[in-house]
Amino acid sequence: MSIFDLLFLLMVFASLVMLAAAALLAVRGKFKHSLRTLSGLGICLAVYLATGLAVSFLKPQRVIAVGDAWCFDDWCLTVETVRQTPASSQVAYDVGLRIFSRARGVAQRANGAWIYLIDKQGQRYSPDPDPSQVPLDIRLQPGESVVTSRTFQIPAGVQELGLITGHGGPYCGPMDILIIGQSGCLFQKPTMIRIQ
């Protein structure tokens, strides 16, 4: 968990406290104080969101090399191999993955895990459906590691491909915008593993 995750949790807690205080003031008939509290909350939220967008805009894109781990807390993914098979109008990218857990005491999974290839223009490419492959959200015991792969069909001529992944929500979803430093997707700078 990063400092920005903790800051987000602190903002949620502070917002709930301020909303409760505003409601209590309104019930007591102190409407002016209640509105002042709500205005303060609105200003704090606006500053928080503006800070998050500014950090994401100014922060350089994080590019992870093939072979390096990309971890979300204790759930990690590594691209181990990339094979290209050209065809007439498309190139098949077979991406070998290792999914592993750094946890020491609890089993875990990445609920709602997803994976795409993304090009320079932000176009996303889904993997070919293959029910025989290990699912990304497989439950892992502490220290466990599994190997799987995904195949993507990419139009010929597409360059600067990267692999993006996440879980718990869609690509560039609300949590990416609410957690400071996570909304690089809004500025065509998502964290990625460079494939090509």
C-alpha atoms as a PDB file:
ATOM      1  CA  MET A   1       0.000   0.000   0.000  1.00  0.00           C
ATOM      2  CA  SER A   2       1.439   3.361  -1.044  1.00  0.00           C
ATOM      3  CA  ILE A   3       1.295   6.699   0.738  1.00  0.00           C
ATOM      4  CA  PHE A   4      -1.296   7.809  -1.833  1.00  0.00           C
ATOM      5  CA  ASP A   5      -3.535   4.842  -0.949  1.00  0.00           C
ATOM      6  CA  LEU A   6      -3.344   5.870   2.705  1.00  0.00           C
ATOM      7  CA  LEU A   7      -4.069   9.485   1.800  1.00  0.00           C
ATOM      8  CA  PHE A   8      -7.148   8.349  -0.148  1.00  0.00           C
ATOM      9  CA  LEU A   9      -8.397   6.365   2.874  1.00  0.00           C
ATOM     10  CA  LEU A  10      -7.782   9.383   5.110  1.00  0.00           C
ATOM     11  CA  MET A  11      -9.792  11.594   2.722  1.00  0.00           C
ATOM     12  CA  VAL A  12     -12.686   9.110   2.728  1.00  0.00           C
ATOM     13  CA  PHE A  13     -12.690   9.038   6.546  1.00  0.00           C
ATOM     14  CA  ALA A  14     -12.428  12.851   6.818  1.00  0.00           C
ATOM     15  CA  SER A  15     -15.256  13.273   4.280  1.00  0.00           C
ATOM     16  CA  LEU A  16     -17.522  10.961   6.267  1.00  0.00           C
ATOM     17  CA  VAL A  17     -16.749  12.840   9.494  1.00  0.00           C
ATOM     18  CA  MET A  18     -17.440  16.199   7.839  1.00  0.00           C
ATOM     19  CA  LEU A  19     -20.709  14.943   6.320  1.00  0.00           C
ATOM     20  CA  ALA A  20     -21.811  13.623   9.713  1.00  0.00           C
ATOM     21  CA  ALA A  21     -20.877  16.932  11.351  1.00  0.00           C
ATOM     22  CA  ALA A  22     -22.825  18.891   8.701  1.00  0.00           C
ATOM     23  CA  ALA A  23     -25.868  16.660   9.209  1.00  0.00           C
ATOM     24  CA  LEU A  24     -25.667  17.050  12.994  1.00  0.00           C
ATOM     25  CA  LEU A  25     -25.408  20.836  12.671  1.00  0.00           C
ATOM     26  CA  ALA A  26     -28.412  20.885  10.315  1.00  0.00           C
ATOM     27  CA  VAL A  27     -30.478  18.789  12.770  1.00  0.00           C
ATOM     28  CA  ARG A  28     -29.628  21.265  15.532  1.00  0.00           C
ATOM     29  CA  GLY A  29     -30.836  24.107  13.332  1.00  0.00           C
ATOM     30  CA  LYS A  30     -27.391  25.571  12.682  1.00  0.00           C
ATOM     31  CA  PHE A  31     -27.834  25.699   8.922  1.00  0.00           C
ATOM     32  CA  LYS A  32     -25.198  28.376   8.348  1.00  0.00           C
ATOM     33  CA  HIS A  33     -22.532  26.279  10.099  1.00  0.00           C
ATOM     34  CA  SER A  34     -23.730  23.169   8.265  1.00  0.00           C
ATOM     35  CA  LEU A  35     -23.370  24.882   4.877  1.00  0.00           C
ATOM     36  CA  ARG A  36     -19.939  26.210   5.865  1.00  0.00           C
ATOM     37  CA  THR A  37     -18.859  22.658   6.748  1.00  0.00           C
ATOM     38  CA  LEU A  38     -20.160  21.326   3.411  1.00  0.00           C
ATOM     39  CA  SER A  39     -18.402  24.166   1.552  1.00  0.00           C
ATOM     40  CA  GLY A  40     -15.145  23.300   3.321  1.00  0.00           C
ATOM     41  CA  LEU A  41     -15.591  19.668   2.339  1.00  0.00           C
ATOM     42  CA  GLY A  42     -16.217  20.655  -1.287  1.00  0.00           C
ATOM     43  CA  ILE A  43     -13.074  22.802  -1.367  1.00  0.00           C
ATOM     44  CA  CYS A  44     -10.983  19.993   0.178  1.00  0.00           C
ATOM     45  CA  LEU A  45     -12.306  17.472  -2.363  1.00  0.00           C
ATOM     46  CA  ALA A  46     -11.657  19.843  -5.277  1.00  0.00           C
ATOM     47  CA  VAL A  47      -8.078  20.458  -4.106  1.00  0.00           C
ATOM     48  CA  TYR A  48      -7.540  16.711  -3.635  1.00  0.00           C
ATOM     49  CA  LEU A  49      -8.817  15.877  -7.148  1.00  0.00           C
ATOM     50  CA  ALA A  50      -6.839  18.732  -8.740  1.00  0.00           C
ATOM     51  CA  THR A  51      -3.697  17.547  -6.948  1.00  0.00           C
ATOM     52  CA  GLY A  52      -4.267  13.992  -8.183  1.00  0.00           C
ATOM     53  CA  LEU A  53      -4.693  15.132 -11.779  1.00  0.00           C
ATOM     54  CA  ALA A  54      -1.646  17.424 -11.587  1.00  0.00           C
ATOM     55  CA  VAL A  55       0.553  14.649 -10.169  1.00  0.00           C
ATOM     56  CA  SER A  56      -0.593  12.244 -12.881  1.00  0.00           C
ATOM     57  CA  PHE A  57       0.015  14.836 -15.594  1.00  0.00           C
ATOM     58  CA  LEU A  58       3.515  15.723 -14.362  1.00  0.00           C
ATOM     59  CA  LYS A  59       4.601  12.232 -13.328  1.00  0.00           C
ATOM     60  CA  PRO A  60       6.608  10.369 -15.987  1.00  0.00           C
ATOM     61  CA  GLN A  61       5.116   7.189 -17.387  1.00  0.00           C
ATOM     62  CA  ARG A  62       6.237   4.067 -15.546  1.00  0.00           C
ATOM     63  CA  VAL A  63       7.473   1.469 -18.029  1.00  0.00           C
ATOM     64  CA  ILE A  64       8.374  -1.973 -16.680  1.00  0.00           C
ATOM     65  CA  ALA A  65      10.788  -4.203 -18.568  1.00  0.00           C
ATOM     66  CA  VAL A  66       9.993  -7.743 -19.689  1.00  0.00           C
ATOM     67  CA  GLY A  67      11.172 -10.023 -16.874  1.00  0.00           C
ATOM     68  CA  ASP A  68      10.520  -7.492 -14.091  1.00  0.00           C
ATOM     69  CA  ALA A  69       7.658  -7.954 -11.640  1.00  0.00           C
ATOM     70  CA  TRP A  70       4.642  -5.630 -11.581  1.00  0.00           C
ATOM     71  CA  CYS A  71       3.109  -5.906  -8.116  1.00  0.00           C
ATOM     72  CA  PHE A  72      -0.169  -4.711  -6.637  1.00  0.00           C
ATOM     73  CA  ASP A  73       0.434  -5.141  -2.925  1.00  0.00           C
ATOM     74  CA  ASP A  74       1.353  -8.864  -2.769  1.00  0.00           C
ATOM     75  CA  TRP A  75      -0.145  -9.997  -6.116  1.00  0.00           C
ATOM     76  CA  CYS A  76       2.440  -9.803  -8.881  1.00  0.00           C
ATOM     77  CA  LEU A  77       2.633 -10.435 -12.604  1.00  0.00           C
ATOM     78  CA  THR A  78       5.740 -10.824 -14.773  1.00  0.00           C
ATOM     79  CA  VAL A  79       5.932 -10.996 -18.563  1.00  0.00           C
ATOM     80  CA  GLU A  80       8.507 -13.733 -19.151  1.00  0.00           C
ATOM     81  CA  THR A  81       8.350 -14.184 -22.927  1.00  0.00           C
ATOM     82  CA  VAL A  82       6.912 -12.480 -25.990  1.00  0.00           C
ATOM     83  CA  ARG A  83       6.639 -14.296 -29.333  1.00  0.00           C
ATOM     84  CA  GLN A  84       5.373 -12.667 -32.517  1.00  0.00           C
ATOM     85  CA  THR A  85       3.798 -14.626 -35.374  1.00  0.00           C
ATOM     86  CA  PRO A  86       3.180 -12.357 -38.391  1.00  0.00           C
ATOM     87  CA  ALA A  87       0.271 -13.011 -40.733  1.00  0.00           C
ATOM     88  CA  SER A  88      -1.043 -11.027 -43.702  1.00  0.00           C
ATOM     89  CA  SER A  89      -2.995  -8.356 -41.870  1.00  0.00           C
ATOM     90  CA  GLN A  90      -2.307  -9.173 -38.204  1.00  0.00           C
ATOM     91  CA  VAL A  91       0.479 -10.170 -35.867  1.00  0.00           C
ATOM     92  CA  ALA A  92      -0.214 -12.696 -33.099  1.00  0.00           C
ATOM     93  CA  TYR A  93       1.579 -11.845 -29.868  1.00  0.00           C
ATOM     94  CA  ASP A  94       1.894 -14.801 -27.515  1.00  0.00           C
ATOM     95  CA  VAL A  95       2.765 -13.395 -24.092  1.00  0.00           C
ATOM     96  CA  GLY A  96       4.085 -15.790 -21.447  1.00  0.00           C
ATOM     97  CA  LEU A  97       3.130 -14.709 -17.928  1.00  0.00           C
ATOM     98  CA  ARG A  98       4.047 -15.678 -14.392  1.00  0.00           C
ATOM     99  CA  ILE A  99       1.523 -14.762 -11.700  1.00  0.00           C
ATOM    100  CA  PHE A 100       2.782 -15.008  -8.135  1.00  0.00           C
ATOM    101  CA  SER A 101       2.090 -14.018  -4.565  1.00  0.00           C
ATOM    102  CA  ARG A 102       4.572 -12.251  -2.284  1.00  0.00           C
ATOM    103  CA  ALA A 103       2.265 -12.776   0.690  1.00  0.00           C
ATOM    104  CA  ARG A 104       3.722 -14.674   3.607  1.00  0.00           C
ATOM    105  CA  GLY A 105       0.695 -15.750   5.552  1.00  0.00           C
ATOM    106  CA  VAL A 106      -2.550 -15.547   3.576  1.00  0.00           C
ATOM    107  CA  ALA A 107      -3.928 -16.883   0.336  1.00  0.00           C
ATOM    108  CA  GLN A 108      -5.117 -14.221  -2.076  1.00  0.00           C
ATOM    109  CA  ARG A 109      -6.446 -13.498  -5.543  1.00  0.00           C
ATOM    110  CA  ALA A 110      -6.807 -10.478  -7.797  1.00  0.00           C
ATOM    111  CA  ASN A 111     -10.588 -10.271  -8.102  1.00  0.00           C
ATOM    112  CA  GLY A 112     -11.716  -8.879 -11.436  1.00  0.00           C
ATOM    113  CA  ALA A 113      -8.205  -9.033 -12.930  1.00  0.00           C
ATOM    114  CA  TRP A 114      -7.898  -7.922 -16.551  1.00  0.00           C
ATOM    115  CA  ILE A 115      -5.128  -7.611 -19.122  1.00  0.00           C
ATOM    116  CA  TYR A 116      -4.758  -5.787 -22.452  1.00  0.00           C
ATOM    117  CA  LEU A 117      -2.134  -4.747 -24.944  1.00  0.00           C
ATOM    118  CA  ILE A 118      -2.254  -1.029 -25.644  1.00  0.00           C
ATOM    119  CA  ASP A 119      -0.691   0.959 -28.468  1.00  0.00           C
ATOM    120  CA  LYS A 120       0.715   4.493 -28.637  1.00  0.00           C
ATOM    121  CA  GLN A 121      -2.717   5.968 -29.451  1.00  0.00           C
ATOM    122  CA  GLY A 122      -4.361   4.280 -26.457  1.00  0.00           C
ATOM    123  CA  GLN A 123      -6.165   1.587 -28.483  1.00  0.00           C
ATOM    124  CA  ARG A 124      -6.637  -1.509 -26.288  1.00  0.00           C
ATOM    125  CA  TYR A 125      -6.513  -5.082 -27.559  1.00  0.00           C
ATOM    126  CA  SER A 126      -8.101  -7.918 -25.575  1.00  0.00           C
ATOM    127  CA  PRO A 127      -6.543 -11.384 -25.446  1.00  0.00           C
ATOM    128  CA  ASP A 128      -8.048 -14.219 -27.478  1.00  0.00           C
ATOM    129  CA  PRO A 129     -10.525 -16.224 -25.397  1.00  0.00           C
ATOM    130  CA  ASP A 130      -8.875 -19.453 -24.211  1.00  0.00           C
ATOM    131  CA  PRO A 131     -10.643 -21.278 -21.359  1.00  0.00           C
ATOM    132  CA  SER A 132      -7.747 -23.747 -21.103  1.00  0.00           C
ATOM    133  CA  GLN A 133      -5.434 -21.029 -19.719  1.00  0.00           C
ATOM    134  CA  VAL A 134      -4.985 -20.316 -16.009  1.00  0.00           C
ATOM    135  CA  PRO A 135      -7.306 -17.433 -15.046  1.00  0.00           C
ATOM    136  CA  LEU A 136      -5.656 -14.193 -13.925  1.00  0.00           C
ATOM    137  CA  ASP A 137      -7.698 -14.197 -10.707  1.00  0.00           C
ATOM    138  CA  ILE A 138      -6.545 -17.653  -9.602  1.00  0.00           C
ATOM    139  CA  ARG A 139      -6.325 -18.055  -5.829  1.00  0.00           C
ATOM    140  CA  LEU A 140      -2.662 -18.215  -4.802  1.00  0.00           C
ATOM    141  CA  GLN A 141      -1.258 -19.606  -1.586  1.00  0.00           C
ATOM    142  CA  PRO A 142       1.539 -17.624   0.140  1.00  0.00           C
ATOM    143  CA  GLY A 143       4.598 -17.642  -2.118  1.00  0.00           C
ATOM    144  CA  GLU A 144       2.820 -19.627  -4.842  1.00  0.00           C
ATOM    145  CA  SER A 145       3.567 -19.022  -8.520  1.00  0.00           C
ATOM    146  CA  VAL A 146       1.731 -20.116 -11.688  1.00  0.00           C
ATOM    147  CA  VAL A 147       2.634 -19.844 -15.359  1.00  0.00           C
ATOM    148  CA  THR A 148       0.129 -18.989 -18.087  1.00  0.00           C
ATOM    149  CA  SER A 149      -0.021 -17.142 -21.383  1.00  0.00           C
ATOM    150  CA  ARG A 150      -2.302 -14.929 -23.415  1.00  0.00           C
ATOM    151  CA  THR A 151      -2.450 -14.432 -27.183  1.00  0.00           C
ATOM    152  CA  PHE A 152      -3.375 -11.082 -28.740  1.00  0.00           C
ATOM    153  CA  GLN A 153      -4.195 -10.362 -32.392  1.00  0.00           C
ATOM    154  CA  ILE A 154      -2.799  -6.965 -33.333  1.00  0.00           C
ATOM    155  CA  PRO A 155      -3.163  -5.263 -36.740  1.00  0.00           C
ATOM    156  CA  ALA A 156       0.073  -5.283 -38.728  1.00  0.00           C
ATOM    157  CA  GLY A 157       1.978  -2.017 -38.486  1.00  0.00           C
ATOM    158  CA  VAL A 158       0.967  -1.187 -34.910  1.00  0.00           C
ATOM    159  CA  GLN A 159       4.023  -0.146 -32.924  1.00  0.00           C
ATOM    160  CA  GLU A 160       4.927   0.768 -29.362  1.00  0.00           C
ATOM    161  CA  LEU A 161       2.840  -1.913 -27.691  1.00  0.00           C
ATOM    162  CA  GLY A 162       2.637  -2.280 -23.945  1.00  0.00           C
ATOM    163  CA  LEU A 163       0.847  -4.681 -21.624  1.00  0.00           C
ATOM    164  CA  ILE A 164      -1.455  -3.136 -19.030  1.00  0.00           C
ATOM    165  CA  THR A 165      -3.146  -4.970 -16.202  1.00  0.00           C
ATOM    166  CA  GLY A 166      -5.196  -4.303 -13.111  1.00  0.00           C
ATOM    167  CA  HIS A 167      -7.991  -5.657 -10.961  1.00  0.00           C
ATOM    168  CA  GLY A 168     -10.964  -4.585  -8.906  1.00  0.00           C
ATOM    169  CA  GLY A 169     -12.278  -2.169 -11.526  1.00  0.00           C
ATOM    170  CA  PRO A 170     -12.063  -1.271 -15.192  1.00  0.00           C
ATOM    171  CA  TYR A 171      -9.112   0.293 -16.951  1.00  0.00           C
ATOM    172  CA  CYS A 172      -9.053   4.014 -16.144  1.00  0.00           C
ATOM    173  CA  GLY A 173     -11.953   3.576 -13.734  1.00  0.00           C
ATOM    174  CA  PRO A 174     -12.996   5.733 -10.772  1.00  0.00           C
ATOM    175  CA  MET A 175     -10.301   4.404  -8.437  1.00  0.00           C
ATOM    176  CA  ASP A 176      -7.601   5.361 -10.945  1.00  0.00           C
ATOM    177  CA  ILE A 177      -8.888   8.922 -10.805  1.00  0.00           C
ATOM    178  CA  LEU A 178      -9.443   9.051  -7.027  1.00  0.00           C
ATOM    179  CA  ILE A 179      -6.012   7.778  -5.954  1.00  0.00           C
ATOM    180  CA  ILE A 180      -3.282  10.356  -6.488  1.00  0.00           C
ATOM    181  CA  GLY A 181      -0.784   9.355  -9.172  1.00  0.00           C
ATOM    182  CA  GLN A 182      -2.930   6.583 -10.678  1.00  0.00           C
ATOM    183  CA  SER A 183      -4.701   8.488 -13.447  1.00  0.00           C
ATOM    184  CA  GLY A 184      -1.880   8.371 -16.003  1.00  0.00           C
ATOM    185  CA  CYS A 185      -4.376   6.664 -18.309  1.00  0.00           C
ATOM    186  CA  LEU A 186      -6.139  10.018 -18.712  1.00  0.00           C
ATOM    187  CA  PHE A 187      -2.941  11.470 -20.187  1.00  0.00           C
ATOM    188  CA  GLN A 188      -1.950   8.485 -22.396  1.00  0.00           C
ATOM    189  CA  LYS A 189       0.694   7.485 -19.809  1.00  0.00           C
ATOM    190  CA  PRO A 190      -0.539   4.283 -18.148  1.00  0.00           C
ATOM    191  CA  THR A 191       1.898   2.084 -16.269  1.00  0.00           C
ATOM    192  CA  MET A 192       2.823  -0.719 -18.669  1.00  0.00           C
ATOM    193  CA  ILE A 193       5.205  -3.521 -19.478  1.00  0.00           C
ATOM    194  CA  ARG A 194       6.828  -2.642 -22.795  1.00  0.00           C
ATOM    195  CA  ILE A 195       6.169  -5.445 -25.323  1.00  0.00           C
ATOM    196  CA  GLN A 196       7.425  -3.762 -28.501  1.00  0.00           C
END
